[in-house]
Amino acid sequence: MTAVRRPGAYHCGIDAAMDVIGGKWKVLVLWALNERAWRFGELRRQLPGVTEKVLAAQLRELEEDGIVHREAYDEVPPRVEYSLTPRGRALNEALAPLGAWGRRHVLGRAEAAG
C-alpha cells in the first residue's frame, strides 16, 4: 500500500514527509479532499490551473503513498471518487499548523500591506 520512493535516502521525518507532499498540487488536493470526497472533474474544477495529466499523476502518487483512496463504482457511466484515507486525514492534521503559520506570517503580512 505505501510506496517509499527513496528508500534509505531520508535524513529526517520532514524530508520523508516532503517527499510525499512535494509538488505544487498535492497539498491543494489534500486541502480539497479534507472537505469531502470528489470525482475527478469536480476536483479539477476546485484546482484552477491544474492539467488533467498532472492531477491524475498527483492522485496516483498520493494513492500509492496511502494518502488518497480511489473508489471505482460499477455503474454506467463509470464513476470514480477520491477521498482521504486515515493516513491522509492525519497528514492534513499535521499540515494544519503550517497553514496557520502561512496565514499569520505570509497572508497576514500581505493584508497589512494592502
PDB file of N, CA and C in Angstrom:
ATOM      1  N   MET A   1       0.833  -1.191   0.000  1.00  0.00           N
ATOM      2  CA  MET A   1       0.000   0.000   0.000  1.00  0.00           C
ATOM      3  C   MET A   1       0.874   1.249   0.000  1.00  0.00           C
ATOM      4  N   THR A   2       1.836   1.354   0.902  1.00  0.00           N
ATOM      5  CA  THR A   2       2.676   2.528   0.975  1.00  0.00           C
ATOM      6  C   THR A   2       3.944   2.311   0.182  1.00  0.00           C
ATOM      7  N   ALA A   3       4.205   3.195  -0.744  1.00  0.00           N
ATOM      8  CA  ALA A   3       5.407   3.092  -1.557  1.00  0.00           C
ATOM      9  C   ALA A   3       6.418   4.112  -1.073  1.00  0.00           C
ATOM     10  N   VAL A   4       7.602   3.666  -0.762  1.00  0.00           N
ATOM     11  CA  VAL A   4       8.675   4.580  -0.398  1.00  0.00           C
ATOM     12  C   VAL A   4       9.493   4.801  -1.651  1.00  0.00           C
ATOM     13  N   ARG A   5       9.453   6.031  -2.130  1.00  0.00           N
ATOM     14  CA  ARG A   5      10.094   6.307  -3.410  1.00  0.00           C
ATOM     15  C   ARG A   5      11.604   6.442  -3.312  1.00  0.00           C
ATOM     16  N   ARG A   6      12.116   6.807  -2.136  1.00  0.00           N
ATOM     17  CA  ARG A   6      13.555   6.962  -1.980  1.00  0.00           C
ATOM     18  C   ARG A   6      14.015   6.193  -0.748  1.00  0.00           C
ATOM     19  N   PRO A   7      13.927   4.888  -0.739  1.00  0.00           N
ATOM     20  CA  PRO A   7      14.297   4.143   0.460  1.00  0.00           C
ATOM     21  C   PRO A   7      15.726   4.424   0.885  1.00  0.00           C
ATOM     22  N   GLY A   8      15.888   4.706   2.165  1.00  0.00           N
ATOM     23  CA  GLY A   8      17.216   4.949   2.706  1.00  0.00           C
ATOM     24  C   GLY A   8      17.776   6.322   2.424  1.00  0.00           C
ATOM     25  N   ALA A   9      17.080   7.143   1.662  1.00  0.00           N
ATOM     26  CA  ALA A   9      17.617   8.452   1.285  1.00  0.00           C
ATOM     27  C   ALA A   9      17.152   9.567   2.217  1.00  0.00           C
ATOM     28  N   TYR A  10      16.260   9.279   3.153  1.00  0.00           N
ATOM     29  CA  TYR A  10      15.736  10.326   4.034  1.00  0.00           C
ATOM     30  C   TYR A  10      16.706  10.614   5.166  1.00  0.00           C
ATOM     31  N   HIS A  11      16.799  11.882   5.520  1.00  0.00           N
ATOM     32  CA  HIS A  11      17.667  12.301   6.616  1.00  0.00           C
ATOM     33  C   HIS A  11      16.874  12.570   7.884  1.00  0.00           C
ATOM     34  N   CYS A  12      15.577  12.856   7.740  1.00  0.00           N
ATOM     35  CA  CYS A  12      14.730  13.124   8.895  1.00  0.00           C
ATOM     36  C   CYS A  12      13.273  12.952   8.483  1.00  0.00           C
ATOM     37  N   GLY A  13      12.375  13.052   9.443  1.00  0.00           N
ATOM     38  CA  GLY A  13      10.952  12.892   9.169  1.00  0.00           C
ATOM     39  C   GLY A  13      10.403  13.958   8.243  1.00  0.00           C
ATOM     40  N   ILE A  14      10.905  15.175   8.355  1.00  0.00           N
ATOM     41  CA  ILE A  14      10.426  16.255   7.482  1.00  0.00           C
ATOM     42  C   ILE A  14      10.798  15.953   6.041  1.00  0.00           C
ATOM     43  N   ASP A  15      11.980  15.447   5.825  1.00  0.00           N
ATOM     44  CA  ASP A  15      12.429  15.067   4.477  1.00  0.00           C
ATOM     45  C   ASP A  15      11.491  14.009   3.893  1.00  0.00           C
ATOM     46  N   ALA A  16      11.122  13.007   4.684  1.00  0.00           N
ATOM     47  CA  ALA A  16      10.223  11.957   4.220  1.00  0.00           C
ATOM     48  C   ALA A  16       8.840  12.517   3.927  1.00  0.00           C
ATOM     49  N   ALA A  17       8.327  13.381   4.820  1.00  0.00           N
ATOM     50  CA  ALA A  17       7.002  13.976   4.616  1.00  0.00           C
ATOM     51  C   ALA A  17       6.988  14.860   3.372  1.00  0.00           C
ATOM     52  N   MET A  18       8.040  15.622   3.158  1.00  0.00           N
ATOM     53  CA  MET A  18       8.095  16.499   1.986  1.00  0.00           C
ATOM     54  C   MET A  18       8.135  15.688   0.699  1.00  0.00           C
ATOM     55  N   ASP A  19       8.687  14.493   0.748  1.00  0.00           N
ATOM     56  CA  ASP A  19       8.674  13.637  -0.436  1.00  0.00           C
ATOM     57  C   ASP A  19       7.245  13.237  -0.786  1.00  0.00           C
ATOM     58  N   VAL A  20       6.414  13.037   0.225  1.00  0.00           N
ATOM     59  CA  VAL A  20       5.018  12.650  -0.007  1.00  0.00           C
ATOM     60  C   VAL A  20       4.193  13.832  -0.507  1.00  0.00           C
ATOM     61  N   ILE A  21       4.402  15.028   0.048  1.00  0.00           N
ATOM     62  CA  ILE A  21       3.548  16.177  -0.304  1.00  0.00           C
ATOM     63  C   ILE A  21       4.218  17.133  -1.273  1.00  0.00           C
ATOM     64  N   GLY A  22       5.418  16.815  -1.731  1.00  0.00           N
ATOM     65  CA  GLY A  22       6.143  17.704  -2.626  1.00  0.00           C
ATOM     66  C   GLY A  22       5.406  17.941  -3.929  1.00  0.00           C
ATOM     67  N   GLY A  23       5.600  19.105  -4.477  1.00  0.00           N
ATOM     68  CA  GLY A  23       4.937  19.472  -5.725  1.00  0.00           C
ATOM     69  C   GLY A  23       3.892  20.547  -5.467  1.00  0.00           C
ATOM     70  N   LYS A  24       3.507  21.204  -6.521  1.00  0.00           N
ATOM     71  CA  LYS A  24       2.602  22.352  -6.409  1.00  0.00           C
ATOM     72  C   LYS A  24       1.186  21.955  -6.018  1.00  0.00           C
ATOM     73  N   TRP A  25       0.728  20.785  -6.437  1.00  0.00           N
ATOM     74  CA  TRP A  25      -0.698  20.468  -6.332  1.00  0.00           C
ATOM     75  C   TRP A  25      -1.073  19.533  -5.208  1.00  0.00           C
ATOM     76  N   LYS A  26      -0.158  18.766  -4.666  1.00  0.00           N
ATOM     77  CA  LYS A  26      -0.527  17.740  -3.690  1.00  0.00           C
ATOM     78  C   LYS A  26      -1.167  18.321  -2.435  1.00  0.00           C
ATOM     79  N   VAL A  27      -0.615  19.378  -1.881  1.00  0.00           N
ATOM     80  CA  VAL A  27      -1.219  19.932  -0.669  1.00  0.00           C
ATOM     81  C   VAL A  27      -2.585  20.541  -0.971  1.00  0.00           C
ATOM     82  N   LEU A  28      -2.769  21.062  -2.187  1.00  0.00           N
ATOM     83  CA  LEU A  28      -4.078  21.600  -2.559  1.00  0.00           C
ATOM     84  C   LEU A  28      -5.088  20.476  -2.754  1.00  0.00           C
ATOM     85  N   VAL A  29      -4.647  19.325  -3.255  1.00  0.00           N
ATOM     86  CA  VAL A  29      -5.511  18.151  -3.356  1.00  0.00           C
ATOM     87  C   VAL A  29      -5.914  17.711  -1.950  1.00  0.00           C
ATOM     88  N   LEU A  30      -4.956  17.661  -1.042  1.00  0.00           N
ATOM     89  CA  LEU A  30      -5.257  17.287   0.346  1.00  0.00           C
ATOM     90  C   LEU A  30      -6.256  18.254   0.969  1.00  0.00           C
ATOM     91  N   TRP A  31      -6.064  19.541   0.728  1.00  0.00           N
ATOM     92  CA  TRP A  31      -6.963  20.563   1.261  1.00  0.00           C
ATOM     93  C   TRP A  31      -8.385  20.353   0.734  1.00  0.00           C
ATOM     94  N   ALA A  32      -8.519  20.123  -0.569  1.00  0.00           N
ATOM     95  CA  ALA A  32      -9.846  19.930  -1.162  1.00  0.00           C
ATOM     96  C   ALA A  32     -10.500  18.646  -0.647  1.00  0.00           C
ATOM     97  N   LEU A  33      -9.736  17.574  -0.549  1.00  0.00           N
ATOM     98  CA  LEU A  33     -10.300  16.304  -0.102  1.00  0.00           C
ATOM     99  C   LEU A  33     -10.613  16.304   1.389  1.00  0.00           C
ATOM    100  N   ASN A  34     -10.111  17.285   2.114  1.00  0.00           N
ATOM    101  CA  ASN A  34     -10.425  17.397   3.535  1.00  0.00           C
ATOM    102  C   ASN A  34     -11.902  17.713   3.734  1.00  0.00           C
ATOM    103  N   GLU A  35     -12.509  18.385   2.746  1.00  0.00           N
ATOM    104  CA  GLU A  35     -13.914  18.762   2.835  1.00  0.00           C
ATOM    105  C   GLU A  35     -14.829  17.567   2.598  1.00  0.00           C
ATOM    106  N   ARG A  36     -14.550  16.791   1.547  1.00  0.00           N
ATOM    107  CA  ARG A  36     -15.393  15.652   1.178  1.00  0.00           C
ATOM    108  C   ARG A  36     -14.721  14.883   0.056  1.00  0.00           C
ATOM    109  N   ALA A  37     -15.347  13.775  -0.343  1.00  0.00           N
ATOM    110  CA  ALA A  37     -14.867  13.017  -1.500  1.00  0.00           C
ATOM    111  C   ALA A  37     -15.268  13.766  -2.768  1.00  0.00           C
ATOM    112  N   TRP A  38     -14.419  13.706  -3.770  1.00  0.00           N
ATOM    113  CA  TRP A  38     -14.668  14.396  -5.039  1.00  0.00           C
ATOM    114  C   TRP A  38     -14.482  13.430  -6.197  1.00  0.00           C
ATOM    115  N   ARG A  39     -15.247  13.647  -7.244  1.00  0.00           N
ATOM    116  CA  ARG A  39     -14.978  12.986  -8.516  1.00  0.00           C
ATOM    117  C   ARG A  39     -13.845  13.751  -9.189  1.00  0.00           C
ATOM    118  N   PHE A  40     -13.185  13.123 -10.158  1.00  0.00           N
ATOM    119  CA  PHE A  40     -12.013  13.722 -10.792  1.00  0.00           C
ATOM    120  C   PHE A  40     -12.328  15.107 -11.365  1.00  0.00           C
ATOM    121  N   GLY A  41     -13.388  15.223 -12.150  1.00  0.00           N
ATOM    122  CA  GLY A  41     -13.731  16.508 -12.771  1.00  0.00           C
ATOM    123  C   GLY A  41     -14.056  17.579 -11.752  1.00  0.00           C
ATOM    124  N   GLU A  42     -14.748  17.197 -10.679  1.00  0.00           N
ATOM    125  CA  GLU A  42     -15.064  18.154  -9.616  1.00  0.00           C
ATOM    126  C   GLU A  42     -13.786  18.649  -8.956  1.00  0.00           C
ATOM    127  N   LEU A  43     -12.892  17.711  -8.692  1.00  0.00           N
ATOM    128  CA  LEU A  43     -11.623  18.061  -8.050  1.00  0.00           C
ATOM    129  C   LEU A  43     -10.810  18.982  -8.948  1.00  0.00           C
ATOM    130  N   ARG A  44     -10.802  18.695 -10.216  1.00  0.00           N
ATOM    131  CA  ARG A  44     -10.069  19.545 -11.163  1.00  0.00           C
ATOM    132  C   ARG A  44     -10.628  20.966 -11.170  1.00  0.00           C
ATOM    133  N   ARG A  45     -11.948  21.107 -11.088  1.00  0.00           N
ATOM    134  CA  ARG A  45     -12.552  22.449 -11.037  1.00  0.00           C
ATOM    135  C   ARG A  45     -12.209  23.180  -9.732  1.00  0.00           C
ATOM    136  N   GLN A  46     -11.938  22.430  -8.683  1.00  0.00           N
ATOM    137  CA  GLN A  46     -11.559  23.037  -7.410  1.00  0.00           C
ATOM    138  C   GLN A  46     -10.129  23.582  -7.435  1.00  0.00           C
ATOM    139  N   LEU A  47      -9.355  23.139  -8.415  1.00  0.00           N
ATOM    140  CA  LEU A  47      -7.938  23.499  -8.504  1.00  0.00           C
ATOM    141  C   LEU A  47      -7.652  24.166  -9.846  1.00  0.00           C
ATOM    142  N   PRO A  48      -8.084  25.394 -10.023  1.00  0.00           N
ATOM    143  CA  PRO A  48      -7.869  26.063 -11.315  1.00  0.00           C
ATOM    144  C   PRO A  48      -6.384  26.099 -11.672  1.00  0.00           C
ATOM    145  N   GLY A  49      -6.095  25.743 -12.911  1.00  0.00           N
ATOM    146  CA  GLY A  49      -4.721  25.772 -13.394  1.00  0.00           C
ATOM    147  C   GLY A  49      -4.073  24.407 -13.491  1.00  0.00           C
ATOM    148  N   VAL A  50      -4.602  23.408 -12.792  1.00  0.00           N
ATOM    149  CA  VAL A  50      -4.003  22.073 -12.867  1.00  0.00           C
ATOM    150  C   VAL A  50      -4.484  21.397 -14.150  1.00  0.00           C
ATOM    151  N   THR A  51      -3.581  20.695 -14.800  1.00  0.00           N
ATOM    152  CA  THR A  51      -3.960  19.952 -16.005  1.00  0.00           C
ATOM    153  C   THR A  51      -4.457  18.562 -15.600  1.00  0.00           C
ATOM    154  N   GLU A  52      -5.210  17.934 -16.486  1.00  0.00           N
ATOM    155  CA  GLU A  52      -5.699  16.577 -16.219  1.00  0.00           C
ATOM    156  C   GLU A  52      -4.535  15.625 -15.985  1.00  0.00           C
ATOM    157  N   LYS A  53      -3.508  15.735 -16.813  1.00  0.00           N
ATOM    158  CA  LYS A  53      -2.348  14.845 -16.727  1.00  0.00           C
ATOM    159  C   LYS A  53      -1.656  14.978 -15.369  1.00  0.00           C
ATOM    160  N   VAL A  54      -1.436  16.206 -14.944  1.00  0.00           N
ATOM    161  CA  VAL A  54      -0.737  16.437 -13.674  1.00  0.00           C
ATOM    162  C   VAL A  54      -1.605  15.985 -12.505  1.00  0.00           C
ATOM    163  N   LEU A  55      -2.899  16.325 -12.523  1.00  0.00           N
ATOM    164  CA  LEU A  55      -3.784  15.920 -11.435  1.00  0.00           C
ATOM    165  C   LEU A  55      -3.847  14.396 -11.340  1.00  0.00           C
ATOM    166  N   ALA A  56      -3.967  13.725 -12.464  1.00  0.00           N
ATOM    167  CA  ALA A  56      -4.013  12.258 -12.457  1.00  0.00           C
ATOM    168  C   ALA A  56      -2.719  11.679 -11.871  1.00  0.00           C
ATOM    169  N   ALA A  57      -1.582  12.245 -12.236  1.00  0.00           N
ATOM    170  CA  ALA A  57      -0.299  11.762 -11.724  1.00  0.00           C
ATOM    171  C   ALA A  57      -0.178  12.008 -10.224  1.00  0.00           C
ATOM    172  N   GLN A  58      -0.588  13.191  -9.771  1.00  0.00           N
ATOM    173  CA  GLN A  58      -0.509  13.525  -8.348  1.00  0.00           C
ATOM    174  C   GLN A  58      -1.430  12.619  -7.531  1.00  0.00           C
ATOM    175  N   LEU A  59      -2.655  12.389  -8.023  1.00  0.00           N
ATOM    176  CA  LEU A  59      -3.585  11.494  -7.331  1.00  0.00           C
ATOM    177  C   LEU A  59      -3.032  10.073  -7.271  1.00  0.00           C
ATOM    178  N   ARG A  60      -2.422   9.625  -8.355  1.00  0.00           N
ATOM    179  CA  ARG A  60      -1.835   8.281  -8.397  1.00  0.00           C
ATOM    180  C   ARG A  60      -0.726   8.151  -7.349  1.00  0.00           C
ATOM    181  N   GLU A  61       0.136   9.152  -7.266  1.00  0.00           N
ATOM    182  CA  GLU A  61       1.217   9.111  -6.274  1.00  0.00           C
ATOM    183  C   GLU A  61       0.669   9.133  -4.859  1.00  0.00           C
ATOM    184  N   LEU A  62      -0.333   9.986  -4.602  1.00  0.00           N
ATOM    185  CA  LEU A  62      -0.931  10.040  -3.270  1.00  0.00           C
ATOM    186  C   LEU A  62      -1.626   8.725  -2.920  1.00  0.00           C
ATOM    187  N   GLU A  63      -2.199   8.083  -3.924  1.00  0.00           N
ATOM    188  CA  GLU A  63      -2.815   6.778  -3.697  1.00  0.00           C
ATOM    189  C   GLU A  63      -1.749   5.731  -3.371  1.00  0.00           C
ATOM    190  N   GLU A  64      -0.651   5.747  -4.105  1.00  0.00           N
ATOM    191  CA  GLU A  64       0.452   4.803  -3.858  1.00  0.00           C
ATOM    192  C   GLU A  64       1.033   4.979  -2.462  1.00  0.00           C
ATOM    193  N   ASP A  65       1.037   6.221  -1.965  1.00  0.00           N
ATOM    194  CA  ASP A  65       1.577   6.516  -0.634  1.00  0.00           C
ATOM    195  C   ASP A  65       0.557   6.284   0.475  1.00  0.00           C
ATOM    196  N   GLY A  66      -0.654   5.834   0.111  1.00  0.00           N
ATOM    197  CA  GLY A  66      -1.669   5.537   1.121  1.00  0.00           C
ATOM    198  C   GLY A  66      -2.349   6.765   1.688  1.00  0.00           C
ATOM    199  N   ILE A  67      -2.295   7.885   0.974  1.00  0.00           N
ATOM    200  CA  ILE A  67      -2.879   9.145   1.439  1.00  0.00           C
ATOM    201  C   ILE A  67      -4.286   9.322   0.881  1.00  0.00           C
ATOM    202  N   VAL A  68      -4.494   8.900  -0.340  1.00  0.00           N
ATOM    203  CA  VAL A  68      -5.774   9.059  -1.031  1.00  0.00           C
ATOM    204  C   VAL A  68      -6.333   7.683  -1.381  1.00  0.00           C
ATOM    205  N   HIS A  69      -7.654   7.564  -1.240  1.00  0.00           N
ATOM    206  CA  HIS A  69      -8.354   6.336  -1.626  1.00  0.00           C
ATOM    207  C   HIS A  69      -9.125   6.603  -2.906  1.00  0.00           C
ATOM    208  N   ARG A  70      -9.003   5.711  -3.876  1.00  0.00           N
ATOM    209  CA  ARG A  70      -9.727   5.798  -5.147  1.00  0.00           C
ATOM    210  C   ARG A  70     -10.797   4.725  -5.139  1.00  0.00           C
ATOM    211  N   GLU A  71     -12.048   5.160  -5.211  1.00  0.00           N
ATOM    212  CA  GLU A  71     -13.184   4.227  -5.214  1.00  0.00           C
ATOM    213  C   GLU A  71     -13.838   4.244  -6.583  1.00  0.00           C
ATOM    214  N   ALA A  72     -13.779   3.112  -7.285  1.00  0.00           N
ATOM    215  CA  ALA A  72     -14.418   2.979  -8.596  1.00  0.00           C
ATOM    216  C   ALA A  72     -15.736   2.244  -8.405  1.00  0.00           C
ATOM    217  N   TYR A  73     -16.834   2.855  -8.833  1.00  0.00           N
ATOM    218  CA  TYR A  73     -18.169   2.270  -8.699  1.00  0.00           C
ATOM    219  C   TYR A  73     -18.535   1.560  -9.999  1.00  0.00           C
ATOM    220  N   ASP A  74     -19.156   0.410  -9.866  1.00  0.00           N
ATOM    221  CA  ASP A  74     -19.552  -0.387 -11.027  1.00  0.00           C
ATOM    222  C   ASP A  74     -20.885   0.140 -11.540  1.00  0.00           C
ATOM    223  N   GLU A  75     -20.825   1.265 -12.253  1.00  0.00           N
ATOM    224  CA  GLU A  75     -22.012   1.927 -12.777  1.00  0.00           C
ATOM    225  C   GLU A  75     -21.784   2.294 -14.231  1.00  0.00           C
ATOM    226  N   VAL A  76     -22.875   2.618 -14.906  1.00  0.00           N
ATOM    227  CA  VAL A  76     -22.791   3.134 -16.273  1.00  0.00           C
ATOM    228  C   VAL A  76     -23.483   4.493 -16.261  1.00  0.00           C
ATOM    229  N   PRO A  77     -22.785   5.572 -16.568  1.00  0.00           N
ATOM    230  CA  PRO A  77     -21.343   5.656 -16.871  1.00  0.00           C
ATOM    231  C   PRO A  77     -20.505   5.411 -15.614  1.00  0.00           C
ATOM    232  N   PRO A  78     -19.245   5.024 -15.806  1.00  0.00           N
ATOM    233  CA  PRO A  78     -18.374   4.739 -14.665  1.00  0.00           C
ATOM    234  C   PRO A  78     -18.215   5.975 -13.772  1.00  0.00           C
ATOM    235  N   ARG A  79     -18.119   5.716 -12.477  1.00  0.00           N
ATOM    236  CA  ARG A  79     -17.933   6.805 -11.522  1.00  0.00           C
ATOM    237  C   ARG A  79     -16.772   6.441 -10.609  1.00  0.00           C
ATOM    238  N   VAL A  80     -15.864   7.392 -10.431  1.00  0.00           N
ATOM    239  CA  VAL A  80     -14.706   7.222  -9.550  1.00  0.00           C
ATOM    240  C   VAL A  80     -14.682   8.402  -8.598  1.00  0.00           C
ATOM    241  N   GLU A  81     -14.505   8.119  -7.305  1.00  0.00           N
ATOM    242  CA  GLU A  81     -14.390   9.180  -6.307  1.00  0.00           C
ATOM    243  C   GLU A  81     -13.070   9.040  -5.564  1.00  0.00           C
ATOM    244  N   TYR A  82     -12.535  10.170  -5.182  1.00  0.00           N
ATOM    245  CA  TYR A  82     -11.290  10.225  -4.415  1.00  0.00           C
ATOM    246  C   TYR A  82     -11.600  10.783  -3.036  1.00  0.00           C
ATOM    247  N   SER A  83     -11.014  10.169  -2.027  1.00  0.00           N
ATOM    248  CA  SER A  83     -11.191  10.626  -0.655  1.00  0.00           C
ATOM    249  C   SER A  83      -9.889  10.408   0.107  1.00  0.00           C
ATOM    250  N   LEU A  84      -9.818  10.977   1.303  1.00  0.00           N
ATOM    251  CA  LEU A  84      -8.638  10.791   2.134  1.00  0.00           C
ATOM    252  C   LEU A  84      -8.742   9.489   2.914  1.00  0.00           C
ATOM    253  N   THR A  85      -7.635   8.835   3.071  1.00  0.00           N
ATOM    254  CA  THR A  85      -7.533   7.675   3.946  1.00  0.00           C
ATOM    255  C   THR A  85      -7.298   8.198   5.368  1.00  0.00           C
ATOM    256  N   PRO A  86      -7.336   7.343   6.372  1.00  0.00           N
ATOM    257  CA  PRO A  86      -6.968   7.796   7.715  1.00  0.00           C
ATOM    258  C   PRO A  86      -5.563   8.415   7.753  1.00  0.00           C
ATOM    259  N   ARG A  87      -4.645   7.848   6.987  1.00  0.00           N
ATOM    260  CA  ARG A  87      -3.287   8.412   6.908  1.00  0.00           C
ATOM    261  C   ARG A  87      -3.324   9.808   6.278  1.00  0.00           C
ATOM    262  N   GLY A  88      -4.188  10.004   5.275  1.00  0.00           N
ATOM    263  CA  GLY A  88      -4.334  11.312   4.648  1.00  0.00           C
ATOM    264  C   GLY A  88      -4.933  12.339   5.598  1.00  0.00           C
ATOM    265  N   ARG A  89      -5.928  11.909   6.398  1.00  0.00           N
ATOM    266  CA  ARG A  89      -6.505  12.825   7.390  1.00  0.00           C
ATOM    267  C   ARG A  89      -5.461  13.209   8.442  1.00  0.00           C
ATOM    268  N   ALA A  90      -4.649  12.242   8.844  1.00  0.00           N
ATOM    269  CA  ALA A  90      -3.579  12.523   9.804  1.00  0.00           C
ATOM    270  C   ALA A  90      -2.556  13.496   9.205  1.00  0.00           C
ATOM    271  N   LEU A  91      -2.258  13.349   7.929  1.00  0.00           N
ATOM    272  CA  LEU A  91      -1.335  14.265   7.259  1.00  0.00           C
ATOM    273  C   LEU A  91      -1.923  15.672   7.226  1.00  0.00           C
ATOM    274  N   ASN A  92      -3.220  15.792   6.935  1.00  0.00           N
ATOM    275  CA  ASN A  92      -3.861  17.113   6.943  1.00  0.00           C
ATOM    276  C   ASN A  92      -3.793  17.741   8.332  1.00  0.00           C
ATOM    277  N   GLU A  93      -3.987  16.931   9.371  1.00  0.00           N
ATOM    278  CA  GLU A  93      -3.878  17.450  10.738  1.00  0.00           C
ATOM    279  C   GLU A  93      -2.464  17.951  11.009  1.00  0.00           C
ATOM    280  N   ALA A  94      -1.475  17.231  10.499  1.00  0.00           N
ATOM    281  CA  ALA A  94      -0.085  17.649  10.688  1.00  0.00           C
ATOM    282  C   ALA A  94       0.227  18.923   9.911  1.00  0.00           C
ATOM    283  N   LEU A  95      -0.446  19.131   8.781  1.00  0.00           N
ATOM    284  CA  LEU A  95      -0.206  20.327   7.959  1.00  0.00           C
ATOM    285  C   LEU A  95      -0.954  21.559   8.483  1.00  0.00           C
ATOM    286  N   ALA A  96      -1.941  21.370   9.354  1.00  0.00           N
ATOM    287  CA  ALA A  96      -2.737  22.490   9.853  1.00  0.00           C
ATOM    288  C   ALA A  96      -1.881  23.581  10.500  1.00  0.00           C
ATOM    289  N   PRO A  97      -0.917  23.252  11.369  1.00  0.00           N
ATOM    290  CA  PRO A  97      -0.077  24.319  11.932  1.00  0.00           C
ATOM    291  C   PRO A  97       0.734  25.066  10.868  1.00  0.00           C
ATOM    292  N   LEU A  98       1.146  24.375   9.826  1.00  0.00           N
ATOM    293  CA  LEU A  98       1.871  25.028   8.735  1.00  0.00           C
ATOM    294  C   LEU A  98       0.957  26.022   8.025  1.00  0.00           C
ATOM    295  N   GLY A  99      -0.300  25.633   7.795  1.00  0.00           N
ATOM    296  CA  GLY A  99      -1.275  26.542   7.198  1.00  0.00           C
ATOM    297  C   GLY A  99      -1.531  27.755   8.076  1.00  0.00           C
ATOM    298  N   ALA A 100      -1.614  27.544   9.391  1.00  0.00           N
ATOM    299  CA  ALA A 100      -1.811  28.663  10.324  1.00  0.00           C
ATOM    300  C   ALA A 100      -0.616  29.616  10.272  1.00  0.00           C
ATOM    301  N   TRP A 101       0.584  29.046  10.190  1.00  0.00           N
ATOM    302  CA  TRP A 101       1.785  29.876  10.076  1.00  0.00           C
ATOM    303  C   TRP A 101       1.724  30.723   8.807  1.00  0.00           C
ATOM    304  N   GLY A 102       1.330  30.115   7.683  1.00  0.00           N
ATOM    305  CA  GLY A 102       1.242  30.841   6.418  1.00  0.00           C
ATOM    306  C   GLY A 102       0.212  31.958   6.466  1.00  0.00           C
ATOM    307  N   ARG A 103      -0.946  31.691   7.092  1.00  0.00           N
ATOM    308  CA  ARG A 103      -1.967  32.735   7.215  1.00  0.00           C
ATOM    309  C   ARG A 103      -1.453  33.885   8.062  1.00  0.00           C
ATOM    310  N   ARG A 104      -0.751  33.580   9.145  1.00  0.00           N
ATOM    311  CA  ARG A 104      -0.263  34.602  10.058  1.00  0.00           C
ATOM    312  C   ARG A 104       0.917  35.388   9.480  1.00  0.00           C
ATOM    313  N   HIS A 105       1.885  34.684   8.948  1.00  0.00           N
ATOM    314  CA  HIS A 105       3.152  35.325   8.579  1.00  0.00           C
ATOM    315  C   HIS A 105       3.283  35.699   7.115  1.00  0.00           C
ATOM    316  N   VAL A 106       2.501  35.119   6.250  1.00  0.00           N
ATOM    317  CA  VAL A 106       2.577  35.450   4.833  1.00  0.00           C
ATOM    318  C   VAL A 106       1.315  36.188   4.389  1.00  0.00           C
ATOM    319  N   LEU A 107       0.168  35.561   4.558  1.00  0.00           N
ATOM    320  CA  LEU A 107      -1.082  36.212   4.162  1.00  0.00           C
ATOM    321  C   LEU A 107      -1.385  37.419   5.043  1.00  0.00           C
ATOM    322  N   GLY A 108      -1.133  37.305   6.334  1.00  0.00           N
ATOM    323  CA  GLY A 108      -1.352  38.421   7.255  1.00  0.00           C
ATOM    324  C   GLY A 108      -0.513  39.632   6.899  1.00  0.00           C
ATOM    325  N   ARG A 109       0.718  39.398   6.497  1.00  0.00           N
ATOM    326  CA  ARG A 109       1.619  40.477   6.093  1.00  0.00           C
ATOM    327  C   ARG A 109       1.098  41.139   4.816  1.00  0.00           C
ATOM    328  N   ALA A 110       0.580  40.333   3.883  1.00  0.00           N
ATOM    329  CA  ALA A 110       0.040  40.871   2.627  1.00  0.00           C
ATOM    330  C   ALA A 110      -1.206  41.712   2.896  1.00  0.00           C
ATOM    331  N   GLU A 111      -2.052  41.249   3.845  1.00  0.00           N
ATOM    332  CA  GLU A 111      -3.251  42.006   4.202  1.00  0.00           C
ATOM    333  C   GLU A 111      -2.887  43.314   4.886  1.00  0.00           C
ATOM    334  N   ALA A 112      -1.861  43.297   5.738  1.00  0.00           N
ATOM    335  CA  ALA A 112      -1.443  44.508   6.436  1.00  0.00           C
ATOM    336  C   ALA A 112      -0.856  45.531   5.456  1.00  0.00           C
ATOM    337  N   ALA A 113      -0.197  45.042   4.407  1.00  0.00           N
ATOM    338  CA  ALA A 113       0.413  45.943   3.423  1.00  0.00           C
ATOM    339  C   ALA A 113      -0.638  46.517   2.478  1.00  0.00           C
ATOM    340  N   GLY A 114      -1.768  45.793   2.300  1.00  0.00           N
ATOM    341  CA  GLY A 114      -2.792  46.185   1.335  1.00  0.00           C
ATOM    342  C   GLY A 114      -3.760  47.118   1.870  1.00  0.00           C
TER     343      GLY A 114
END
